[in-house]
C-alpha atoms as a PDB file:
ATOM      1  CA  MET A   1      68.449  51.728  48.643  1.00  0.00           C
ATOM      2  CA  THR A   2      65.813  50.549  50.994  1.00  0.00           C
ATOM      3  CA  VAL A   3      66.292  47.039  52.901  1.00  0.00           C
ATOM      4  CA  THR A   4      62.781  45.867  53.461  1.00  0.00           C
ATOM      5  CA  VAL A   5      63.844  42.467  53.837  1.00  0.00           C
ATOM      6  CA  ALA A   6      67.147  40.150  54.688  1.00  0.00           C
ATOM      7  CA  VAL A   7      67.990  36.698  54.809  1.00  0.00           C
ATOM      8  CA  VAL A   8      69.654  34.820  57.297  1.00  0.00           C
ATOM      9  CA  GLY A   9      71.207  32.151  55.853  1.00  0.00           C
ATOM     10  CA  GLY A  10      73.495  31.435  53.015  1.00  0.00           C
ATOM     11  CA  GLY A  11      72.825  28.373  52.228  1.00  0.00           C
ATOM     12  CA  ALA A  12      70.401  27.138  48.698  1.00  0.00           C
ATOM     13  CA  TRP A  13      67.037  28.067  50.399  1.00  0.00           C
ATOM     14  CA  GLY A  14      68.524  30.761  51.895  1.00  0.00           C
ATOM     15  CA  THR A  15      69.974  32.196  48.573  1.00  0.00           C
ATOM     16  CA  ALA A  16      66.319  30.881  46.772  1.00  0.00           C
ATOM     17  CA  LEU A  17      63.983  32.674  49.112  1.00  0.00           C
ATOM     18  CA  ALA A  18      66.537  36.319  48.578  1.00  0.00           C
ATOM     19  CA  ASN A  19      66.202  36.521  45.127  1.00  0.00           C
ATOM     20  CA  ALA A  20      62.412  35.488  45.554  1.00  0.00           C
ATOM     21  CA  ALA A  21      61.992  38.494  47.611  1.00  0.00           C
ATOM     22  CA  ALA A  22      64.358  40.729  45.363  1.00  0.00           C
ATOM     23  CA  ALA A  23      62.125  39.678  42.340  1.00  0.00           C
ATOM     24  CA  GLY A  24      58.969  40.258  44.477  1.00  0.00           C
ATOM     25  CA  GLN A  25      59.437  44.107  45.149  1.00  0.00           C
ATOM     26  CA  GLU A  26      61.284  47.236  45.093  1.00  0.00           C
ATOM     27  CA  GLY A  27      64.228  47.104  48.153  1.00  0.00           C
ATOM     28  CA  GLU A  28      67.397  45.909  48.628  1.00  0.00           C
ATOM     29  CA  VAL A  29      68.069  42.140  50.186  1.00  0.00           C
ATOM     30  CA  VAL A  30      70.438  42.135  52.291  1.00  0.00           C
ATOM     31  CA  LEU A  31      72.120  38.213  51.986  1.00  0.00           C
ATOM     32  CA  TRP A  32      73.833  37.404  54.841  1.00  0.00           C
ATOM     33  CA  MET A  33      76.332  34.671  55.279  1.00  0.00           C
ATOM     34  CA  ARG A  34      78.027  33.149  58.142  1.00  0.00           C
ATOM     35  CA  ASP A  35      81.586  33.091  56.275  1.00  0.00           C
ATOM     36  CA  ALA A  36      82.841  36.668  55.675  1.00  0.00           C
ATOM     37  CA  ALA A  37      85.043  35.302  53.291  1.00  0.00           C
ATOM     38  CA  ALA A  38      82.036  33.677  50.894  1.00  0.00           C
ATOM     39  CA  ALA A  39      79.704  36.400  50.692  1.00  0.00           C
ATOM     40  CA  ARG A  40      82.443  38.958  49.810  1.00  0.00           C
ATOM     41  CA  ASP A  41      83.095  35.785  47.175  1.00  0.00           C
ATOM     42  CA  ALA A  42      79.191  36.008  46.273  1.00  0.00           C
ATOM     43  CA  ALA A  43      79.481  39.008  45.694  1.00  0.00           C
ATOM     44  CA  ARG A  44      81.998  39.557  43.288  1.00  0.00           C
ATOM     45  CA  ALA A  45      80.960  36.698  40.929  1.00  0.00           C
ATOM     46  CA  ARG A  46      76.900  37.354  41.907  1.00  0.00           C
ATOM     47  CA  GLU A  47      76.567  33.504  42.392  1.00  0.00           C
ATOM     48  CA  ASN A  48      76.669  31.152  45.746  1.00  0.00           C
ATOM     49  CA  ALA A  49      79.068  28.993  43.940  1.00  0.00           C
ATOM     50  CA  ARG A  50      78.745  26.805  46.934  1.00  0.00           C
ATOM     51  CA  TYR A  51      75.126  25.758  47.608  1.00  0.00           C
ATOM     52  CA  LEU A  52      73.794  27.004  44.183  1.00  0.00           C
ATOM     53  CA  PRO A  53      76.193  27.115  41.323  1.00  0.00           C
ATOM     54  CA  GLY A  54      75.042  28.009  37.764  1.00  0.00           C
ATOM     55  CA  VAL A  55      72.385  30.572  39.597  1.00  0.00           C
ATOM     56  CA  PRO A  56      72.599  34.348  39.015  1.00  0.00           C
ATOM     57  CA  LEU A  57      71.913  36.330  42.075  1.00  0.00           C
ATOM     58  CA  HIS A  58      69.343  39.047  41.508  1.00  0.00           C
ATOM     59  CA  PRO A  59      70.667  42.369  41.148  1.00  0.00           C
ATOM     60  CA  ARG A  60      69.112  43.657  43.574  1.00  0.00           C
ATOM     61  CA  VAL A  61      70.682  41.156  46.405  1.00  0.00           C
ATOM     62  CA  ARG A  62      73.246  41.788  48.538  1.00  0.00           C
ATOM     63  CA  PRO A  63      75.373  39.374  50.479  1.00  0.00           C
ATOM     64  CA  SER A  64      76.886  40.307  53.788  1.00  0.00           C
ATOM     65  CA  GLY A  65      78.225  38.726  56.128  1.00  0.00           C
ATOM     66  CA  GLU A  66      78.616  42.012  58.523  1.00  0.00           C
ATOM     67  CA  ALA A  67      75.895  41.853  61.247  1.00  0.00           C
ATOM     68  CA  GLY A  68      75.195  45.472  61.079  1.00  0.00           C
ATOM     69  CA  ASP A  69      73.746  45.226  57.575  1.00  0.00           C
ATOM     70  CA  LEU A  70      70.464  44.071  58.785  1.00  0.00           C
ATOM     71  CA  ALA A  71      69.915  46.730  60.967  1.00  0.00           C
ATOM     72  CA  GLY A  72      67.404  48.279  57.959  1.00  0.00           C
ATOM     73  CA  ALA A  73      65.345  44.881  57.703  1.00  0.00           C
ATOM     74  CA  GLY A  74      61.926  45.123  58.686  1.00  0.00           C
ATOM     75  CA  ALA A  75      61.773  41.839  57.960  1.00  0.00           C
ATOM     76  CA  VAL A  76      64.334  38.809  58.858  1.00  0.00           C
ATOM     77  CA  LEU A  77      64.041  35.391  57.491  1.00  0.00           C
ATOM     78  CA  LEU A  78      66.092  32.949  59.604  1.00  0.00           C
ATOM     79  CA  VAL A  79      66.711  30.832  57.016  1.00  0.00           C
ATOM     80  CA  VAL A  80      69.330  27.981  59.430  1.00  0.00           C
ATOM     81  CA  PRO A  81      69.371  24.610  60.337  1.00  0.00           C
ATOM     82  CA  ALA A  82      66.751  24.782  63.438  1.00  0.00           C
ATOM     83  CA  GLN A  83      69.523  22.983  65.924  1.00  0.00           C
ATOM     84  CA  THR A  84      71.184  26.169  65.291  1.00  0.00           C
ATOM     85  CA  LEU A  85      68.477  29.073  65.613  1.00  0.00           C
ATOM     86  CA  ARG A  86      69.194  29.295  68.983  1.00  0.00           C
ATOM     87  CA  GLY A  87      72.634  30.404  68.980  1.00  0.00           C
ATOM     88  CA  VAL A  88      72.621  32.581  65.569  1.00  0.00           C
ATOM     89  CA  LEU A  89      69.081  34.675  66.776  1.00  0.00           C
ATOM     90  CA  GLY A  90      71.099  35.350  69.312  1.00  0.00           C
ATOM     91  CA  THR A  91      74.398  36.678  67.946  1.00  0.00           C
ATOM     92  CA  LEU A  92      72.255  39.086  65.361  1.00  0.00           C
ATOM     93  CA  ARG A  93      69.861  40.159  67.460  1.00  0.00           C
ATOM     94  CA  PRO A  94      71.773  43.308  68.996  1.00  0.00           C
ATOM     95  CA  ALA A  95      71.943  44.042  64.704  1.00  0.00           C
ATOM     96  CA  LEU A  96      68.885  43.806  64.320  1.00  0.00           C
ATOM     97  CA  ARG A  97      65.550  46.299  64.834  1.00  0.00           C
ATOM     98  CA  PRO A  98      63.565  45.765  68.456  1.00  0.00           C
ATOM     99  CA  ASP A  99      60.292  45.873  65.582  1.00  0.00           C
ATOM    100  CA  ALA A 100      61.146  43.421  62.857  1.00  0.00           C
ATOM    101  CA  THR A 101      59.434  40.547  62.629  1.00  0.00           C
ATOM    102  CA  LEU A 102      61.050  37.145  62.307  1.00  0.00           C
ATOM    103  CA  VAL A 103      60.402  35.151  59.640  1.00  0.00           C
ATOM    104  CA  ILE A 104      61.396  31.252  60.581  1.00  0.00           C
ATOM    105  CA  CYS A 105      62.269  29.013  58.320  1.00  0.00           C
ATOM    106  CA  ALA A 106      63.237  25.992  60.191  1.00  0.00           C
ATOM    107  CA  LYS A 107      61.639  22.847  60.402  1.00  0.00           C
ATOM    108  CA  GLY A 108      62.291  21.095  62.915  1.00  0.00           C
ATOM    109  CA  ILE A 109      61.727  20.831  66.987  1.00  0.00           C
ATOM    110  CA  GLU A 110      65.608  21.738  69.675  1.00  0.00           C
ATOM    111  CA  ARG A 111      67.330  18.733  70.601  1.00  0.00           C
ATOM    112  CA  GLY A 112      67.122  18.741  74.387  1.00  0.00           C
ATOM    113  CA  SER A 113      64.208  21.288  74.708  1.00  0.00           C
ATOM    114  CA  ASP A 114      61.881  19.769  72.583  1.00  0.00           C
ATOM    115  CA  ALA A 115      61.095  23.217  71.925  1.00  0.00           C
ATOM    116  CA  PHE A 116      58.713  24.904  68.718  1.00  0.00           C
ATOM    117  CA  MET A 117      61.099  27.380  66.706  1.00  0.00           C
ATOM    118  CA  THR A 118      58.737  30.406  67.611  1.00  0.00           C
ATOM    119  CA  GLU A 119      59.304  29.031  70.971  1.00  0.00           C
ATOM    120  CA  VAL A 120      63.008  29.315  70.753  1.00  0.00           C
ATOM    121  CA  ALA A 121      62.631  32.761  68.506  1.00  0.00           C
ATOM    122  CA  ALA A 122      60.566  34.296  71.753  1.00  0.00           C
ATOM    123  CA  ALA A 123      62.711  33.106  74.408  1.00  0.00           C
ATOM    124  CA  VAL A 124      65.836  34.630  72.854  1.00  0.00           C
ATOM    125  CA  ALA A 125      63.749  37.482  71.341  1.00  0.00           C
ATOM    126  CA  PRO A 126      60.606  38.151  73.561  1.00  0.00           C
ATOM    127  CA  GLY A 127      58.311  41.061  72.379  1.00  0.00           C
ATOM    128  CA  ALA A 128      59.717  40.169  68.804  1.00  0.00           C
ATOM    129  CA  PRO A 129      56.898  39.774  65.869  1.00  0.00           C
ATOM    130  CA  LEU A 130      57.489  36.148  65.068  1.00  0.00           C
ATOM    131  CA  ALA A 131      56.147  34.795  62.042  1.00  0.00           C
ATOM    132  CA  VAL A 132      56.274  31.006  60.361  1.00  0.00           C
ATOM    133  CA  LEU A 133      57.485  30.528  56.120  1.00  0.00           C
ATOM    134  CA  SER A 134      56.846  26.653  55.278  1.00  0.00           C
ATOM    135  CA  GLY A 135      55.730  24.689  52.702  1.00  0.00           C
ATOM    136  CA  PRO A 136      56.603  21.697  49.401  1.00  0.00           C
ATOM    137  CA  SER A 137      59.385  23.382  47.763  1.00  0.00           C
ATOM    138  CA  PHE A 138      62.739  22.371  47.033  1.00  0.00           C
ATOM    139  CA  ALA A 139      65.742  25.588  46.396  1.00  0.00           C
ATOM    140  CA  ALA A 140      66.586  24.610  43.215  1.00  0.00           C
ATOM    141  CA  ASP A 141      62.735  24.856  42.269  1.00  0.00           C
ATOM    142  CA  VAL A 142      62.239  28.005  42.925  1.00  0.00           C
ATOM    143  CA  ALA A 143      65.691  28.849  42.000  1.00  0.00           C
ATOM    144  CA  ARG A 144      65.144  27.837  38.045  1.00  0.00           C
ATOM    145  CA  GLY A 145      61.571  29.926  38.667  1.00  0.00           C
ATOM    146  CA  LEU A 146      59.263  27.107  38.704  1.00  0.00           C
ATOM    147  CA  PRO A 147      56.304  27.537  40.273  1.00  0.00           C
ATOM    148  CA  THR A 148      56.342  26.797  43.220  1.00  0.00           C
ATOM    149  CA  ALA A 149      53.544  27.794  46.454  1.00  0.00           C
ATOM    150  CA  VAL A 150      53.871  27.859  50.415  1.00  0.00           C
ATOM    151  CA  THR A 151      52.786  29.472  53.797  1.00  0.00           C
ATOM    152  CA  LEU A 152      53.219  32.264  56.019  1.00  0.00           C
ATOM    153  CA  ALA A 153      52.079  32.036  59.361  1.00  0.00           C
ATOM    154  CA  ALA A 154      51.831  35.240  61.751  1.00  0.00           C
ATOM    155  CA  ALA A 155      49.407  36.100  65.000  1.00  0.00           C
ATOM    156  CA  GLU A 156      48.172  39.621  62.830  1.00  0.00           C
ATOM    157  CA  PRO A 157      46.349  38.739  60.025  1.00  0.00           C
ATOM    158  CA  ALA A 158      47.553  42.211  58.875  1.00  0.00           C
ATOM    159  CA  ARG A 159      50.983  41.167  58.834  1.00  0.00           C
ATOM    160  CA  ALA A 160      50.920  37.816  57.782  1.00  0.00           C
ATOM    161  CA  ALA A 161      49.100  39.473  54.616  1.00  0.00           C
ATOM    162  CA  ALA A 162      51.806  42.170  54.393  1.00  0.00           C
ATOM    163  CA  LEU A 163      55.128  39.761  54.327  1.00  0.00           C
ATOM    164  CA  ALA A 164      53.408  37.177  51.944  1.00  0.00           C
ATOM    165  CA  GLY A 165      52.853  40.520  49.415  1.00  0.00           C
ATOM    166  CA  ILE A 166      56.733  41.010  49.754  1.00  0.00           C
ATOM    167  CA  LEU A 167      57.733  37.416  49.257  1.00  0.00           C
ATOM    168  CA  SER A 168      55.442  36.434  46.372  1.00  0.00           C
ATOM    169  CA  GLY A 169      57.113  37.265  42.912  1.00  0.00           C
ATOM    170  CA  PRO A 170      56.612  35.241  39.522  1.00  0.00           C
ATOM    171  CA  ALA A 171      58.050  32.159  41.291  1.00  0.00           C
ATOM    172  CA  LEU A 172      56.862  32.397  44.572  1.00  0.00           C
ATOM    173  CA  ARG A 173      52.822  32.314  45.739  1.00  0.00           C
ATOM    174  CA  VAL A 174      53.118  32.630  49.185  1.00  0.00           C
ATOM    175  CA  TYR A 175      49.587  31.976  51.311  1.00  0.00           C
ATOM    176  CA  HIS A 176      49.092  33.578  54.639  1.00  0.00           C
ATOM    177  CA  SER A 177      47.061  32.129  57.600  1.00  0.00           C
ATOM    178  CA  GLY A 178      46.996  32.556  61.599  1.00  0.00           C
ATOM    179  CA  ASP A 179      48.131  29.483  62.865  1.00  0.00           C
ATOM    180  CA  LEU A 180      51.589  29.880  63.064  1.00  0.00           C
ATOM    181  CA  ARG A 181      51.687  26.297  65.607  1.00  0.00           C
ATOM    182  CA  GLY A 182      49.999  24.384  62.627  1.00  0.00           C
ATOM    183  CA  VAL A 183      52.370  25.945  59.823  1.00  0.00           C
ATOM    184  CA  GLU A 184      55.793  24.911  62.272  1.00  0.00           C
ATOM    185  CA  ILE A 185      54.123  21.333  63.014  1.00  0.00           C
ATOM    186  CA  GLY A 186      53.848  20.638  59.787  1.00  0.00           C
ATOM    187  CA  GLY A 187      57.303  21.337  58.233  1.00  0.00           C
ATOM    188  CA  ALA A 188      58.728  19.748  61.660  1.00  0.00           C
ATOM    189  CA  ALA A 189      56.962  16.125  61.353  1.00  0.00           C
ATOM    190  CA  LYS A 190      56.828  15.779  57.798  1.00  0.00           C
ATOM    191  CA  ASN A 191      60.496  15.704  57.715  1.00  0.00           C
ATOM    192  CA  VAL A 192      60.695  12.857  60.154  1.00  0.00           C
ATOM    193  CA  LEU A 193      57.897  11.027  58.342  1.00  0.00           C
ATOM    194  CA  ALA A 194      59.364  11.274  55.804  1.00  0.00           C
ATOM    195  CA  ILE A 195      62.271   9.426  56.335  1.00  0.00           C
ATOM    196  CA  ALA A 196      60.253   6.445  57.187  1.00  0.00           C
ATOM    197  CA  CYS A 197      58.854   7.097  53.647  1.00  0.00           C
ATOM    198  CA  GLY A 198      62.472   6.811  52.349  1.00  0.00           C
ATOM    199  CA  ALA A 199      63.480   3.307  54.305  1.00  0.00           C
ATOM    200  CA  VAL A 200      60.089   1.793  52.531  1.00  0.00           C
ATOM    201  CA  VAL A 201      61.701   2.522  49.586  1.00  0.00           C
ATOM    202  CA  GLY A 202      64.915   1.730  49.943  1.00  0.00           C
ATOM    203  CA  ARG A 203      64.301  -1.458  51.415  1.00  0.00           C
ATOM    204  CA  GLY A 204      62.301  -1.900  48.506  1.00  0.00           C
ATOM    205  CA  LEU A 205      58.876  -2.422  49.531  1.00  0.00           C
ATOM    206  CA  GLY A 206      56.429  -1.224  47.489  1.00  0.00           C
ATOM    207  CA  GLU A 207      54.444   1.433  46.168  1.00  0.00           C
ATOM    208  CA  SER A 208      51.345  -0.083  47.031  1.00  0.00           C
ATOM    209  CA  ALA A 209      53.719   0.765  50.978  1.00  0.00           C
ATOM    210  CA  ARG A 210      54.361   3.396  51.105  1.00  0.00           C
ATOM    211  CA  ALA A 211      51.194   4.801  49.729  1.00  0.00           C
ATOM    212  CA  ALA A 212      49.838   3.326  53.041  1.00  0.00           C
ATOM    213  CA  LEU A 213      52.513   5.011  54.964  1.00  0.00           C
ATOM    214  CA  VAL A 214      51.953   8.323  54.494  1.00  0.00           C
ATOM    215  CA  ALA A 215      48.476   7.831  55.071  1.00  0.00           C
ATOM    216  CA  ARG A 216      49.018   6.652  58.100  1.00  0.00           C
ATOM    217  CA  SER A 217      51.278   8.550  59.025  1.00  0.00           C
ATOM    218  CA  PHE A 218      49.595  11.985  57.975  1.00  0.00           C
ATOM    219  CA  ALA A 219      47.264  10.347  60.445  1.00  0.00           C
ATOM    220  CA  GLU A 220      49.691  10.808  63.508  1.00  0.00           C
ATOM    221  CA  LEU A 221      50.857  14.402  61.828  1.00  0.00           C
ATOM    222  CA  MET A 222      46.878  15.367  62.583  1.00  0.00           C
ATOM    223  CA  ARG A 223      46.433  13.848  65.684  1.00  0.00           C
ATOM    224  CA  PHE A 224      49.665  15.461  67.346  1.00  0.00           C
ATOM    225  CA  ALA A 225      49.011  18.785  65.949  1.00  0.00           C
ATOM    226  CA  ARG A 226      45.664  19.169  67.178  1.00  0.00           C
ATOM    227  CA  ALA A 227      47.012  17.922  70.512  1.00  0.00           C
ATOM    228  CA  CYS A 228      48.772  20.944  70.598  1.00  0.00           C
ATOM    229  CA  GLY A 229      45.944  23.311  69.283  1.00  0.00           C
ATOM    230  CA  ALA A 230      46.598  23.698  65.821  1.00  0.00           C
ATOM    231  CA  ARG A 231      43.792  24.154  63.100  1.00  0.00           C
ATOM    232  CA  SER A 232      42.886  21.268  61.018  1.00  0.00           C
ATOM    233  CA  GLU A 233      42.947  23.085  58.212  1.00  0.00           C
ATOM    234  CA  THR A 234      45.857  24.356  58.423  1.00  0.00           C
ATOM    235  CA  LEU A 235      47.494  21.093  57.908  1.00  0.00           C
ATOM    236  CA  MET A 236      45.884  19.835  55.370  1.00  0.00           C
ATOM    237  CA  GLY A 237      47.085  22.296  53.142  1.00  0.00           C
ATOM    238  CA  LEU A 238      51.014  23.106  51.638  1.00  0.00           C
ATOM    239  CA  SER A 239      52.127  23.232  55.112  1.00  0.00           C
ATOM    240  CA  GLY A 240      51.278  19.683  56.084  1.00  0.00           C
ATOM    241  CA  LEU A 241      49.730  17.385  53.925  1.00  0.00           C
ATOM    242  CA  GLY A 242      51.380  19.996  50.609  1.00  0.00           C
ATOM    243  CA  ASP A 243      54.965  19.059  52.331  1.00  0.00           C
ATOM    244  CA  LEU A 244      54.339  15.256  53.133  1.00  0.00           C
ATOM    245  CA  VAL A 245      53.739  14.455  49.776  1.00  0.00           C
ATOM    246  CA  LEU A 246      56.469  16.549  48.511  1.00  0.00           C
ATOM    247  CA  SER A 247      59.034  15.256  51.057  1.00  0.00           C
ATOM    248  CA  ALA A 248      58.080  11.719  51.156  1.00  0.00           C
ATOM    249  CA  SER A 249      58.234  11.140  47.280  1.00  0.00           C
ATOM    250  CA  SER A 250      61.368  12.122  46.486  1.00  0.00           C
ATOM    251  CA  ALA A 251      65.360  11.420  46.715  1.00  0.00           C
ATOM    252  CA  GLN A 252      65.408  15.357  46.372  1.00  0.00           C
ATOM    253  CA  SER A 253      64.459  15.861  50.245  1.00  0.00           C
ATOM    254  CA  ARG A 254      67.199  15.488  52.114  1.00  0.00           C
ATOM    255  CA  ASN A 255      65.297  13.427  55.054  1.00  0.00           C
ATOM    256  CA  PHE A 256      63.453  11.285  52.235  1.00  0.00           C
ATOM    257  CA  ALA A 257      67.074  10.367  50.966  1.00  0.00           C
ATOM    258  CA  PHE A 258      68.499   9.515  54.001  1.00  0.00           C
ATOM    259  CA  GLY A 259      65.729   7.294  54.645  1.00  0.00           C
ATOM    260  CA  GLU A 260      66.438   5.207  51.613  1.00  0.00           C
ATOM    261  CA  ARG A 261      70.036   4.685  52.955  1.00  0.00           C
ATOM    262  CA  LEU A 262      68.231   3.573  56.285  1.00  0.00           C
ATOM    263  CA  GLY A 263      66.306   1.204  53.689  1.00  0.00           C
ATOM    264  CA  ARG A 264      69.238  -0.127  52.485  1.00  0.00           C
ATOM    265  CA  GLY A 265      71.559  -1.138  55.502  1.00  0.00           C
ATOM    266  CA  ALA A 266      73.373   1.671  56.090  1.00  0.00           C
ATOM    267  CA  ASP A 267      73.825   2.878  59.527  1.00  0.00           C
ATOM    268  CA  PRO A 268      72.651   6.296  60.329  1.00  0.00           C
ATOM    269  CA  GLY A 269      76.221   8.027  60.670  1.00  0.00           C
ATOM    270  CA  GLU A 270      76.325   6.458  56.627  1.00  0.00           C
ATOM    271  CA  ALA A 271      72.889   7.438  56.055  1.00  0.00           C
ATOM    272  CA  ALA A 272      73.320  10.701  56.308  1.00  0.00           C
ATOM    273  CA  GLY A 273      76.426  11.313  54.354  1.00  0.00           C
ATOM    274  CA  GLY A 274      77.431  14.037  55.255  1.00  0.00           C
ATOM    275  CA  LYS A 275      75.200  16.032  54.747  1.00  0.00           C
ATOM    276  CA  LEU A 276      72.059  17.728  57.447  1.00  0.00           C
ATOM    277  CA  ALA A 277      68.303  15.527  57.656  1.00  0.00           C
ATOM    278  CA  GLU A 278      66.510  17.463  59.622  1.00  0.00           C
ATOM    279  CA  GLY A 279      64.380  15.027  60.446  1.00  0.00           C
ATOM    280  CA  ALA A 280      66.861  12.535  62.068  1.00  0.00           C
ATOM    281  CA  LEU A 281      67.598  15.290  64.511  1.00  0.00           C
ATOM    282  CA  THR A 282      64.080  16.092  65.037  1.00  0.00           C
ATOM    283  CA  ALA A 283      62.501  12.486  65.645  1.00  0.00           C
ATOM    284  CA  ALA A 284      63.236  12.366  69.470  1.00  0.00           C
ATOM    285  CA  GLY A 285      61.752  15.546  70.227  1.00  0.00           C
ATOM    286  CA  LEU A 286      58.748  14.717  68.287  1.00  0.00           C
ATOM    287  CA  VAL A 287      57.840  11.364  70.223  1.00  0.00           C
ATOM    288  CA  ALA A 288      59.170  13.162  73.137  1.00  0.00           C
ATOM    289  CA  LEU A 289      55.983  15.658  72.820  1.00  0.00           C
ATOM    290  CA  ALA A 290      53.897  13.526  71.651  1.00  0.00           C
ATOM    291  CA  ARG A 291      53.712  11.428  74.122  1.00  0.00           C
ATOM    292  CA  ARG A 292      53.194  14.702  77.039  1.00  0.00           C
ATOM    293  CA  HIS A 293      50.159  15.350  74.528  1.00  0.00           C
ATOM    294  CA  GLY A 294      49.015  11.184  75.160  1.00  0.00           C
ATOM    295  CA  VAL A 295      49.174  10.770  70.956  1.00  0.00           C
ATOM    296  CA  GLU A 296      50.070   7.686  69.516  1.00  0.00           C
ATOM    297  CA  MET A 297      53.193   8.492  66.764  1.00  0.00           C
ATOM    298  CA  PRO A 298      54.006   5.028  66.064  1.00  0.00           C
ATOM    299  CA  VAL A 299      55.455   5.663  62.529  1.00  0.00           C
ATOM    300  CA  ALA A 300      57.545   9.045  64.154  1.00  0.00           C
ATOM    301  CA  GLU A 301      58.312   6.335  67.319  1.00  0.00           C
ATOM    302  CA  ALA A 302      59.862   3.778  64.651  1.00  0.00           C
ATOM    303  CA  VAL A 303      61.796   6.839  62.997  1.00  0.00           C
ATOM    304  CA  ALA A 304      63.462   7.879  66.387  1.00  0.00           C
ATOM    305  CA  ALA A 305      65.086   4.265  67.183  1.00  0.00           C
ATOM    306  CA  LEU A 306      66.120   3.565  63.846  1.00  0.00           C
ATOM    307  CA  VAL A 307      67.864   6.863  63.841  1.00  0.00           C
ATOM    308  CA  ALA A 308      69.056   6.036  68.231  1.00  0.00           C
ATOM    309  CA  GLY A 309      70.012   2.326  66.663  1.00  0.00           C
ATOM    310  CA  THR A 310      67.892   0.486  69.107  1.00  0.00           C
ATOM    311  CA  LEU A 311      65.869  -0.439  66.121  1.00  0.00           C
ATOM    312  CA  ARG A 312      66.316  -2.500  62.807  1.00  0.00           C
ATOM    313  CA  LEU A 313      63.926  -1.827  59.758  1.00  0.00           C
ATOM    314  CA  ASP A 314      62.506  -5.081  59.403  1.00  0.00           C
ATOM    315  CA  ASP A 315      61.583  -5.767  63.601  1.00  0.00           C
ATOM    316  CA  ALA A 316      60.437  -1.728  63.464  1.00  0.00           C
ATOM    317  CA  ILE A 317      58.643  -2.628  59.739  1.00  0.00           C
ATOM    318  CA  ALA A 318      56.966  -6.216  61.948  1.00  0.00           C
ATOM    319  CA  ALA A 319      56.380  -4.249  64.583  1.00  0.00           C
ATOM    320  CA  LEU A 320      53.943  -1.855  62.848  1.00  0.00           C
ATOM    321  CA  MET A 321      52.362  -4.495  60.525  1.00  0.00           C
ATOM    322  CA  ARG A 322      51.899  -6.654  64.366  1.00  0.00           C
ATOM    323  CA  ARG A 323      49.780  -3.233  66.116  1.00  0.00           C
ATOM    324  CA  PRO A 324      46.143  -3.771  67.127  1.00  0.00           C
ATOM    325  CA  LEU A 325      43.685  -3.211  64.551  1.00  0.00           C
ATOM    326  CA  ARG A 326      41.133  -0.375  64.443  1.00  0.00           C
ATOM    327  CA  GLY A 327      38.967   1.739  62.803  1.00  0.00           C
ATOM    328  CA  GLU A 328      40.647   3.758  60.211  1.00  0.00           C
ATOM    329  CA  ASP A 329      39.558   7.320  61.776  1.00  0.00           C
ATOM    330  CA  GLU A 330      41.145   6.402  65.118  1.00  0.00           C
END
């Protein structure tokens, strides 16, 4: 069977995307897992019992722990944590087709380098066609067949449209865009800002405060994106406003849940609860990039300080409320 799509990353979102891709096209979908034993278990049980229990794998999804099984894929979805993208792609790159499109599904900014995910991928796999997939989506919703819409961006319109067609299916509608930077900024920054919204809820500050914070967070997101050359209309869409609204309003979001625990008094280590909150790892890089571009992001700065343990939540709230009054469009 022809392998059209491969998914790198056997977590919940990777598994859900593999199922969605298999439902949307006729080729086989390889689901690559770092743990070869887990891949064998998933292949035998036809289920990813660890990360997506109770959801059968689509008949055309083939779990594998072998890098060589990725060789035939024309599109490779990189569904790994942002901070591991460089290492995973570096390991697998020799096994991939040189012309395979690398579809980045990680949402974050690399620690240390302050690099966007497309910059990381371009450094590891120079010359490889790149795309970014992002938007308001929970793995459990897609896995259950609930309607979900996301955005896929690639520099060439024809490539973006073709990939959107391959990945779209009964439960997943994929819109396409040419604004890679805008789509990846929306995914990275909303994780940081969702932590702030969770903290407001955890502190019991009320729905009015959360609504105000979502609006002001989005204003920060727009300022930063424009400074980085992204299109405003991209951030008004699924990968910007849509993703922020979802992540800032649901405890299903790991970033929101992390912030909510901070709001209830947990320290950053306790708030993680053993789970990955990408926004906590991205906050410092986002703030550094914003300063480099001369963009004020007071909410993101407060989150970075909370995560670092250098600012108490009550002090952060007081500082935000004391900021000079200004026009809403400033």
